[in-house]
Amino acid sequence: MAATSFVALHLAAVVVVGTLAAFVLNELDEHYGITPQVIELLERGRALQRELKNGILDTTEMLINGTLETGKRVIETELKRFIKSSISELIFRPI
């Protein structure tokens, strides 16, 4: 029986301290307006994250486009060189 009352006493103390802590923290939050500030900072952080993500995607897209353009020029140059050499072989080939 003594163990049960010992546990119940500690349980009651935890409930009382928890309730008092919640009340005090709620009053401090209302006085200083912490929750709205935290929400505003989180929203700013999300907006910044979206901007950074879009900027990275735009930069990546520009790099890919530049790489594709360079690859296109290389292929065009090699095709021109191949066609010129093929035509030269046909023209200068003895009959």
PDB file of N, CA and C in Angstrom:
ATOM      1  N   MET A   1       0.820  -1.188   0.000  1.00  0.00           N
ATOM      2  CA  MET A   1       0.000   0.000   0.000  1.00  0.00           C
ATOM      3  C   MET A   1       0.870   1.261   0.000  1.00  0.00           C
ATOM      4  N   ALA A   2       1.972   1.207   0.717  1.00  0.00           N
ATOM      5  CA  ALA A   2       2.846   2.374   0.810  1.00  0.00           C
ATOM      6  C   ALA A   2       3.463   2.696  -0.546  1.00  0.00           C
ATOM      7  N   ALA A   3       3.792   1.656  -1.329  1.00  0.00           N
ATOM      8  CA  ALA A   3       4.382   1.876  -2.648  1.00  0.00           C
ATOM      9  C   ALA A   3       3.386   2.543  -3.582  1.00  0.00           C
ATOM     10  N   THR A   4       2.127   2.168  -3.471  1.00  0.00           N
ATOM     11  CA  THR A   4       1.104   2.755  -4.323  1.00  0.00           C
ATOM     12  C   THR A   4       0.912   4.231  -4.011  1.00  0.00           C
ATOM     13  N   SER A   5       0.863   4.585  -2.749  1.00  0.00           N
ATOM     14  CA  SER A   5       0.703   5.999  -2.391  1.00  0.00           C
ATOM     15  C   SER A   5       1.954   6.788  -2.761  1.00  0.00           C
ATOM     16  N   PHE A   6       3.138   6.150  -2.697  1.00  0.00           N
ATOM     17  CA  PHE A   6       4.393   6.802  -3.094  1.00  0.00           C
ATOM     18  C   PHE A   6       4.356   7.153  -4.586  1.00  0.00           C
ATOM     19  N   VAL A   7       3.915   6.204  -5.423  1.00  0.00           N
ATOM     20  CA  VAL A   7       3.821   6.431  -6.874  1.00  0.00           C
ATOM     21  C   VAL A   7       2.745   7.468  -7.177  1.00  0.00           C
ATOM     22  N   ALA A   8       1.603   7.370  -6.487  1.00  0.00           N
ATOM     23  CA  ALA A   8       0.512   8.313  -6.717  1.00  0.00           C
ATOM     24  C   ALA A   8       0.936   9.729  -6.351  1.00  0.00           C
ATOM     25  N   LEU A   9       1.706   9.880  -5.285  1.00  0.00           N
ATOM     26  CA  LEU A   9       2.180  11.194  -4.867  1.00  0.00           C
ATOM     27  C   LEU A   9       3.097  11.807  -5.928  1.00  0.00           C
ATOM     28  N   HIS A  10       4.012  10.999  -6.439  1.00  0.00           N
ATOM     29  CA  HIS A  10       4.903  11.489  -7.484  1.00  0.00           C
ATOM     30  C   HIS A  10       4.143  11.795  -8.778  1.00  0.00           C
ATOM     31  N   LEU A  11       3.171  10.970  -9.099  1.00  0.00           N
ATOM     32  CA  LEU A  11       2.355  11.206 -10.288  1.00  0.00           C
ATOM     33  C   LEU A  11       1.582  12.512 -10.155  1.00  0.00           C
ATOM     34  N   ALA A  12       1.015  12.765  -9.000  1.00  0.00           N
ATOM     35  CA  ALA A  12       0.289  14.009  -8.761  1.00  0.00           C
ATOM     36  C   ALA A  12       1.233  15.205  -8.852  1.00  0.00           C
ATOM     37  N   ALA A  13       2.447  15.052  -8.316  1.00  0.00           N
ATOM     38  CA  ALA A  13       3.430  16.137  -8.391  1.00  0.00           C
ATOM     39  C   ALA A  13       3.788  16.446  -9.845  1.00  0.00           C
ATOM     40  N   VAL A  14       3.950  15.419 -10.656  1.00  0.00           N
ATOM     41  CA  VAL A  14       4.268  15.617 -12.065  1.00  0.00           C
ATOM     42  C   VAL A  14       3.131  16.340 -12.772  1.00  0.00           C
ATOM     43  N   VAL A  15       1.894  15.960 -12.487  1.00  0.00           N
ATOM     44  CA  VAL A  15       0.737  16.607 -13.111  1.00  0.00           C
ATOM     45  C   VAL A  15       0.661  18.074 -12.703  1.00  0.00           C
ATOM     46  N   VAL A  16       0.866  18.368 -11.414  1.00  0.00           N
ATOM     47  CA  VAL A  16       0.797  19.749 -10.926  1.00  0.00           C
ATOM     48  C   VAL A  16       1.914  20.591 -11.539  1.00  0.00           C
ATOM     49  N   VAL A  17       3.136  20.090 -11.507  1.00  0.00           N
ATOM     50  CA  VAL A  17       4.267  20.839 -12.072  1.00  0.00           C
ATOM     51  C   VAL A  17       4.078  21.035 -13.575  1.00  0.00           C
ATOM     52  N   GLY A  18       3.605  20.010 -14.260  1.00  0.00           N
ATOM     53  CA  GLY A  18       3.363  20.133 -15.701  1.00  0.00           C
ATOM     54  C   GLY A  18       2.308  21.172 -16.017  1.00  0.00           C
ATOM     55  N   THR A  19       1.233  21.188 -15.245  1.00  0.00           N
ATOM     56  CA  THR A  19       0.162  22.167 -15.454  1.00  0.00           C
ATOM     57  C   THR A  19       0.663  23.584 -15.185  1.00  0.00           C
ATOM     58  N   LEU A  20       1.410  23.756 -14.099  1.00  0.00           N
ATOM     59  CA  LEU A  20       1.969  25.077 -13.792  1.00  0.00           C
ATOM     60  C   LEU A  20       2.945  25.534 -14.878  1.00  0.00           C
ATOM     61  N   ALA A  21       3.795  24.626 -15.347  1.00  0.00           N
ATOM     62  CA  ALA A  21       4.754  24.968 -16.396  1.00  0.00           C
ATOM     63  C   ALA A  21       4.022  25.371 -17.673  1.00  0.00           C
ATOM     64  N   ALA A  22       2.970  24.643 -18.024  1.00  0.00           N
ATOM     65  CA  ALA A  22       2.201  24.976 -19.222  1.00  0.00           C
ATOM     66  C   ALA A  22       1.560  26.349 -19.084  1.00  0.00           C
ATOM     67  N   PHE A  23       1.010  26.648 -17.919  1.00  0.00           N
ATOM     68  CA  PHE A  23       0.383  27.944 -17.680  1.00  0.00           C
ATOM     69  C   PHE A  23       1.413  29.072 -17.792  1.00  0.00           C
ATOM     70  N   VAL A  24       2.564  28.898 -17.144  1.00  0.00           N
ATOM     71  CA  VAL A  24       3.613  29.927 -17.171  1.00  0.00           C
ATOM     72  C   VAL A  24       4.130  30.124 -18.596  1.00  0.00           C
ATOM     73  N   LEU A  25       4.386  29.050 -19.296  1.00  0.00           N
ATOM     74  CA  LEU A  25       4.887  29.163 -20.666  1.00  0.00           C
ATOM     75  C   LEU A  25       3.859  29.822 -21.585  1.00  0.00           C
ATOM     76  N   ASN A  26       2.589  29.522 -21.385  1.00  0.00           N
ATOM     77  CA  ASN A  26       1.541  30.144 -22.185  1.00  0.00           C
ATOM     78  C   ASN A  26       1.480  31.645 -21.920  1.00  0.00           C
ATOM     79  N   GLU A  27       1.593  32.044 -20.661  1.00  0.00           N
ATOM     80  CA  GLU A  27       1.587  33.470 -20.319  1.00  0.00           C
ATOM     81  C   GLU A  27       2.804  34.180 -20.925  1.00  0.00           C
ATOM     82  N   LEU A  28       3.967  33.561 -20.845  1.00  0.00           N
ATOM     83  CA  LEU A  28       5.170  34.153 -21.439  1.00  0.00           C
ATOM     84  C   LEU A  28       5.022  34.286 -22.952  1.00  0.00           C
ATOM     85  N   ASP A  29       4.431  33.282 -23.574  1.00  0.00           N
ATOM     86  CA  ASP A  29       4.228  33.316 -25.016  1.00  0.00           C
ATOM     87  C   ASP A  29       3.282  34.450 -25.404  1.00  0.00           C
ATOM     88  N   GLU A  30       2.200  34.608 -24.641  1.00  0.00           N
ATOM     89  CA  GLU A  30       1.256  35.685 -24.934  1.00  0.00           C
ATOM     90  C   GLU A  30       1.887  37.058 -24.708  1.00  0.00           C
ATOM     91  N   HIS A  31       2.713  37.179 -23.693  1.00  0.00           N
ATOM     92  CA  HIS A  31       3.339  38.461 -23.382  1.00  0.00           C
ATOM     93  C   HIS A  31       4.377  38.857 -24.434  1.00  0.00           C
ATOM     94  N   TYR A  32       5.232  37.931 -24.819  1.00  0.00           N
ATOM     95  CA  TYR A  32       6.312  38.231 -25.758  1.00  0.00           C
ATOM     96  C   TYR A  32       5.955  37.933 -27.216  1.00  0.00           C
ATOM     97  N   GLY A  33       4.867  37.257 -27.471  1.00  0.00           N
ATOM     98  CA  GLY A  33       4.460  36.957 -28.844  1.00  0.00           C
ATOM     99  C   GLY A  33       5.455  36.056 -29.565  1.00  0.00           C
ATOM    100  N   ILE A  34       5.919  35.036 -28.889  1.00  0.00           N
ATOM    101  CA  ILE A  34       6.950  34.164 -29.452  1.00  0.00           C
ATOM    102  C   ILE A  34       6.400  33.298 -30.584  1.00  0.00           C
ATOM    103  N   THR A  35       5.220  32.734 -30.412  1.00  0.00           N
ATOM    104  CA  THR A  35       4.675  31.811 -31.419  1.00  0.00           C
ATOM    105  C   THR A  35       4.503  32.482 -32.778  1.00  0.00           C
ATOM    106  N   PRO A  36       3.888  33.680 -32.863  1.00  0.00           N
ATOM    107  CA  PRO A  36       3.780  34.311 -34.184  1.00  0.00           C
ATOM    108  C   PRO A  36       5.139  34.593 -34.823  1.00  0.00           C
ATOM    109  N   GLN A  37       6.132  34.951 -33.998  1.00  0.00           N
ATOM    110  CA  GLN A  37       7.470  35.203 -34.536  1.00  0.00           C
ATOM    111  C   GLN A  37       8.090  33.922 -35.082  1.00  0.00           C
ATOM    112  N   VAL A  38       7.911  32.830 -34.363  1.00  0.00           N
ATOM    113  CA  VAL A  38       8.448  31.546 -34.818  1.00  0.00           C
ATOM    114  C   VAL A  38       7.776  31.129 -36.125  1.00  0.00           C
ATOM    115  N   ILE A  39       6.459  31.307 -36.200  1.00  0.00           N
ATOM    116  CA  ILE A  39       5.725  30.954 -37.425  1.00  0.00           C
ATOM    117  C   ILE A  39       6.201  31.809 -38.590  1.00  0.00           C
ATOM    118  N   GLU A  40       6.394  33.114 -38.349  1.00  0.00           N
ATOM    119  CA  GLU A  40       6.878  34.006 -39.405  1.00  0.00           C
ATOM    120  C   GLU A  40       8.269  33.590 -39.886  1.00  0.00           C
ATOM    121  N   LEU A  41       9.145  33.254 -38.948  1.00  0.00           N
ATOM    122  CA  LEU A  41      10.495  32.825 -39.336  1.00  0.00           C
ATOM    123  C   LEU A  41      10.466  31.511 -40.116  1.00  0.00           C
ATOM    124  N   LEU A  42       9.596  30.596 -39.721  1.00  0.00           N
ATOM    125  CA  LEU A  42       9.473  29.338 -40.459  1.00  0.00           C
ATOM    126  C   LEU A  42       8.971  29.577 -41.877  1.00  0.00           C
ATOM    127  N   GLU A  43       7.991  30.483 -42.020  1.00  0.00           N
ATOM    128  CA  GLU A  43       7.481  30.788 -43.356  1.00  0.00           C
ATOM    129  C   GLU A  43       8.546  31.455 -44.212  1.00  0.00           C
ATOM    130  N   ARG A  44       9.327  32.360 -43.617  1.00  0.00           N
ATOM    131  CA  ARG A  44      10.435  32.983 -44.359  1.00  0.00           C
ATOM    132  C   ARG A  44      11.461  31.933 -44.782  1.00  0.00           C
ATOM    133  N   GLY A  45      11.738  31.013 -43.874  1.00  0.00           N
ATOM    134  CA  GLY A  45      12.689  29.945 -44.199  1.00  0.00           C
ATOM    135  C   GLY A  45      12.196  29.087 -45.347  1.00  0.00           C
ATOM    136  N   ARG A  46      10.904  28.767 -45.363  1.00  0.00           N
ATOM    137  CA  ARG A  46      10.347  27.981 -46.466  1.00  0.00           C
ATOM    138  C   ARG A  46      10.420  28.747 -47.775  1.00  0.00           C
ATOM    139  N   ALA A  47      10.108  30.050 -47.731  1.00  0.00           N
ATOM    140  CA  ALA A  47      10.178  30.867 -48.948  1.00  0.00           C
ATOM    141  C   ALA A  47      11.614  30.925 -49.468  1.00  0.00           C
ATOM    142  N   LEU A  48      12.560  31.106 -48.564  1.00  0.00           N
ATOM    143  CA  LEU A  48      13.969  31.140 -48.960  1.00  0.00           C
ATOM    144  C   LEU A  48      14.396  29.803 -49.545  1.00  0.00           C
ATOM    145  N   GLN A  49      13.925  28.723 -48.941  1.00  0.00           N
ATOM    146  CA  GLN A  49      14.250  27.389 -49.446  1.00  0.00           C
ATOM    147  C   GLN A  49      13.714  27.219 -50.865  1.00  0.00           C
ATOM    148  N   ARG A  50      12.474  27.676 -51.112  1.00  0.00           N
ATOM    149  CA  ARG A  50      11.902  27.577 -52.463  1.00  0.00           C
ATOM    150  C   ARG A  50      12.706  28.401 -53.452  1.00  0.00           C
ATOM    151  N   GLU A  51      13.101  29.636 -53.044  1.00  0.00           N
ATOM    152  CA  GLU A  51      13.891  30.488 -53.932  1.00  0.00           C
ATOM    153  C   GLU A  51      15.234  29.846 -54.264  1.00  0.00           C
ATOM    154  N   LEU A  52      15.891  29.283 -53.251  1.00  0.00           N
ATOM    155  CA  LEU A  52      17.174  28.628 -53.483  1.00  0.00           C
ATOM    156  C   LEU A  52      17.016  27.420 -54.402  1.00  0.00           C
ATOM    157  N   LYS A  53      15.958  26.644 -54.162  1.00  0.00           N
ATOM    158  CA  LYS A  53      15.716  25.474 -54.989  1.00  0.00           C
ATOM    159  C   LYS A  53      15.484  25.884 -56.438  1.00  0.00           C
ATOM    160  N   ASN A  54      14.649  26.917 -56.645  1.00  0.00           N
ATOM    161  CA  ASN A  54      14.390  27.391 -58.005  1.00  0.00           C
ATOM    162  C   ASN A  54      15.653  27.944 -58.645  1.00  0.00           C
ATOM    163  N   GLY A  55      16.474  28.652 -57.861  1.00  0.00           N
ATOM    164  CA  GLY A  55      17.726  29.186 -58.394  1.00  0.00           C
ATOM    165  C   GLY A  55      18.675  28.075 -58.801  1.00  0.00           C
ATOM    166  N   ILE A  56      18.756  27.037 -57.981  1.00  0.00           N
ATOM    167  CA  ILE A  56      19.629  25.904 -58.311  1.00  0.00           C
ATOM    168  C   ILE A  56      19.123  25.194 -59.552  1.00  0.00           C
ATOM    169  N   LEU A  57      17.795  25.025 -59.643  1.00  0.00           N
ATOM    170  CA  LEU A  57      17.236  24.373 -60.828  1.00  0.00           C
ATOM    171  C   LEU A  57      17.478  25.204 -62.078  1.00  0.00           C
ATOM    172  N   ASP A  58      17.341  26.535 -61.970  1.00  0.00           N
ATOM    173  CA  ASP A  58      17.601  27.400 -63.120  1.00  0.00           C
ATOM    174  C   ASP A  58      19.064  27.325 -63.545  1.00  0.00           C
ATOM    175  N   THR A  59      19.962  27.343 -62.575  1.00  0.00           N
ATOM    176  CA  THR A  59      21.388  27.252 -62.884  1.00  0.00           C
ATOM    177  C   THR A  59      21.716  25.910 -63.535  1.00  0.00           C
ATOM    178  N   THR A  60      21.154  24.843 -63.005  1.00  0.00           N
ATOM    179  CA  THR A  60      21.378  23.514 -63.577  1.00  0.00           C
ATOM    180  C   THR A  60      20.845  23.453 -64.997  1.00  0.00           C
ATOM    181  N   GLU A  61      19.677  24.033 -65.214  1.00  0.00           N
ATOM    182  CA  GLU A  61      19.100  24.039 -66.551  1.00  0.00           C
ATOM    183  C   GLU A  61      19.984  24.814 -67.528  1.00  0.00           C
ATOM    184  N   MET A  62      20.525  25.949 -67.076  1.00  0.00           N
ATOM    185  CA  MET A  62      21.409  26.717 -67.946  1.00  0.00           C
ATOM    186  C   MET A  62      22.670  25.920 -68.267  1.00  0.00           C
ATOM    187  N   LEU A  63      23.225  25.229 -67.270  1.00  0.00           N
ATOM    188  CA  LEU A  63      24.422  24.425 -67.513  1.00  0.00           C
ATOM    189  C   LEU A  63      24.138  23.289 -68.484  1.00  0.00           C
ATOM    190  N   ILE A  64      22.997  22.641 -68.317  1.00  0.00           N
ATOM    191  CA  ILE A  64      22.638  21.543 -69.217  1.00  0.00           C
ATOM    192  C   ILE A  64      22.430  22.070 -70.636  1.00  0.00           C
ATOM    193  N   ASN A  65      21.728  23.205 -70.758  1.00  0.00           N
ATOM    194  CA  ASN A  65      21.519  23.785 -72.082  1.00  0.00           C
ATOM    195  C   ASN A  65      22.848  24.141 -72.732  1.00  0.00           C
ATOM    196  N   GLY A  66      23.776  24.706 -71.960  1.00  0.00           N
ATOM    197  CA  GLY A  66      25.096  25.041 -72.494  1.00  0.00           C
ATOM    198  C   GLY A  66      25.845  23.799 -72.933  1.00  0.00           C
ATOM    199  N   THR A  67      25.758  22.744 -72.165  1.00  0.00           N
ATOM    200  CA  THR A  67      26.417  21.488 -72.509  1.00  0.00           C
ATOM    201  C   THR A  67      25.815  20.896 -73.768  1.00  0.00           C
ATOM    202  N   LEU A  68      24.493  20.939 -73.873  1.00  0.00           N
ATOM    203  CA  LEU A  68      23.843  20.416 -75.072  1.00  0.00           C
ATOM    204  C   LEU A  68      24.218  21.236 -76.295  1.00  0.00           C
ATOM    205  N   GLU A  69      24.288  22.551 -76.128  1.00  0.00           N
ATOM    206  CA  GLU A  69      24.670  23.417 -77.258  1.00  0.00           C
ATOM    207  C   GLU A  69      26.096  23.116 -77.694  1.00  0.00           C
ATOM    208  N   THR A  70      26.996  22.929 -76.744  1.00  0.00           N
ATOM    209  CA  THR A  70      28.382  22.587 -77.071  1.00  0.00           C
ATOM    210  C   THR A  70      28.443  21.237 -77.777  1.00  0.00           C
ATOM    211  N   GLY A  71      27.700  20.263 -77.263  1.00  0.00           N
ATOM    212  CA  GLY A  71      27.662  18.951 -77.910  1.00  0.00           C
ATOM    213  C   GLY A  71      27.115  19.035 -79.327  1.00  0.00           C
ATOM    214  N   LYS A  72      26.112  19.850 -79.529  1.00  0.00           N
ATOM    215  CA  LYS A  72      25.536  20.046 -80.859  1.00  0.00           C
ATOM    216  C   LYS A  72      26.579  20.625 -81.810  1.00  0.00           C
ATOM    217  N   ARG A  73      27.332  21.642 -81.344  1.00  0.00           N
ATOM    218  CA  ARG A  73      28.367  22.241 -82.196  1.00  0.00           C
ATOM    219  C   ARG A  73      29.463  21.227 -82.536  1.00  0.00           C
ATOM    220  N   VAL A  74      29.846  20.400 -81.569  1.00  0.00           N
ATOM    221  CA  VAL A  74      30.878  19.386 -81.817  1.00  0.00           C
ATOM    222  C   VAL A  74      30.386  18.393 -82.868  1.00  0.00           C
ATOM    223  N   ILE A  75      29.163  17.938 -82.737  1.00  0.00           N
ATOM    224  CA  ILE A  75      28.611  16.985 -83.702  1.00  0.00           C
ATOM    225  C   ILE A  75      28.518  17.616 -85.082  1.00  0.00           C
ATOM    226  N   GLU A  76      28.057  18.876 -85.156  1.00  0.00           N
ATOM    227  CA  GLU A  76      27.976  19.555 -86.453  1.00  0.00           C
ATOM    228  C   GLU A  76      29.347  19.670 -87.096  1.00  0.00           C
ATOM    229  N   THR A  77      30.356  20.040 -86.309  1.00  0.00           N
ATOM    230  CA  THR A  77      31.719  20.181 -86.825  1.00  0.00           C
ATOM    231  C   THR A  77      32.242  18.848 -87.337  1.00  0.00           C
ATOM    232  N   GLU A  78      32.031  17.792 -86.578  1.00  0.00           N
ATOM    233  CA  GLU A  78      32.509  16.480 -87.000  1.00  0.00           C
ATOM    234  C   GLU A  78      31.774  15.992 -88.243  1.00  0.00           C
ATOM    235  N   LEU A  79      30.490  16.255 -88.318  1.00  0.00           N
ATOM    236  CA  LEU A  79      29.734  15.866 -89.529  1.00  0.00           C
ATOM    237  C   LEU A  79      30.235  16.629 -90.745  1.00  0.00           C
ATOM    238  N   LYS A  80      30.481  17.919 -90.618  1.00  0.00           N
ATOM    239  CA  LYS A  80      31.012  18.709 -91.740  1.00  0.00           C
ATOM    240  C   LYS A  80      32.361  18.172 -92.174  1.00  0.00           C
ATOM    241  N   ARG A  81      33.206  17.875 -91.199  1.00  0.00           N
ATOM    242  CA  ARG A  81      34.541  17.343 -91.520  1.00  0.00           C
ATOM    243  C   ARG A  81      34.411  15.991 -92.239  1.00  0.00           C
ATOM    244  N   PHE A  82      33.514  15.121 -91.757  1.00  0.00           N
ATOM    245  CA  PHE A  82      33.311  13.820 -92.380  1.00  0.00           C
ATOM    246  C   PHE A  82      32.773  13.968 -93.802  1.00  0.00           C
ATOM    247  N   ILE A  83      31.802  14.864 -93.985  1.00  0.00           N
ATOM    248  CA  ILE A  83      31.233  15.057 -95.331  1.00  0.00           C
ATOM    249  C   ILE A  83      32.281  15.617 -96.276  1.00  0.00           C
ATOM    250  N   LYS A  84      33.082  16.586 -95.824  1.00  0.00           N
ATOM    251  CA  LYS A  84      34.138  17.152 -96.683  1.00  0.00           C
ATOM    252  C   LYS A  84      35.150  16.085 -97.069  1.00  0.00           C
ATOM    253  N   SER A  85      35.562  15.272 -96.107  1.00  0.00           N
ATOM    254  CA  SER A  85      36.555  14.250 -96.438  1.00  0.00           C
ATOM    255  C   SER A  85      35.949  13.188 -97.357  1.00  0.00           C
ATOM    256  N   SER A  86      34.674  12.862 -97.165  1.00  0.00           N
ATOM    257  CA  SER A  86      34.025  11.881 -98.036  1.00  0.00           C
ATOM    258  C   SER A  86      33.890  12.409 -99.444  1.00  0.00           C
ATOM    259  N   ILE A  87      33.522  13.676 -99.585  1.00  0.00           N
ATOM    260  CA  ILE A  87      33.399  14.277-100.924  1.00  0.00           C
ATOM    261  C   ILE A  87      34.765  14.371-101.573  1.00  0.00           C
ATOM    262  N   SER A  88      35.789  14.739-100.791  1.00  0.00           N
ATOM    263  CA  SER A  88      37.145  14.813-101.334  1.00  0.00           C
ATOM    264  C   SER A  88      37.592  13.450-101.845  1.00  0.00           C
ATOM    265  N   GLU A  89      37.289  12.406-101.111  1.00  0.00           N
ATOM    266  CA  GLU A  89      37.668  11.064-101.550  1.00  0.00           C
ATOM    267  C   GLU A  89      36.949  10.692-102.844  1.00  0.00           C
ATOM    268  N   LEU A  90      35.684  11.073-102.964  1.00  0.00           N
ATOM    269  CA  LEU A  90      34.935  10.769-104.175  1.00  0.00           C
ATOM    270  C   LEU A  90      35.442  11.550-105.372  1.00  0.00           C
ATOM    271  N   ILE A  91      35.776  12.824-105.165  1.00  0.00           N
ATOM    272  CA  ILE A  91      36.210  13.677-106.278  1.00  0.00           C
ATOM    273  C   ILE A  91      37.603  13.260-106.761  1.00  0.00           C
ATOM    274  N   PHE A  92      38.515  13.039-105.859  1.00  0.00           N
ATOM    275  CA  PHE A  92      39.907  12.770-106.218  1.00  0.00           C
ATOM    276  C   PHE A  92      40.197  11.294-106.422  1.00  0.00           C
ATOM    277  N   ARG A  93      39.201  10.449-106.400  1.00  0.00           N
ATOM    278  CA  ARG A  93      39.409   9.030-106.603  1.00  0.00           C
ATOM    279  C   ARG A  93      39.625   8.785-108.110  1.00  0.00           C
ATOM    280  N   PRO A  94      40.680   8.106-108.458  1.00  0.00           N
ATOM    281  CA  PRO A  94      40.901   7.830-109.891  1.00  0.00           C
ATOM    282  C   PRO A  94      39.864   6.852-110.441  1.00  0.00           C
ATOM    283  N   ILE A  95      39.444   7.107-111.648  1.00  0.00           N
ATOM    284  CA  ILE A  95      38.434   6.256-112.272  1.00  0.00           C
ATOM    285  C   ILE A  95      39.108   5.198-113.116  1.00  0.00           C
TER     286      ILE A  95
END
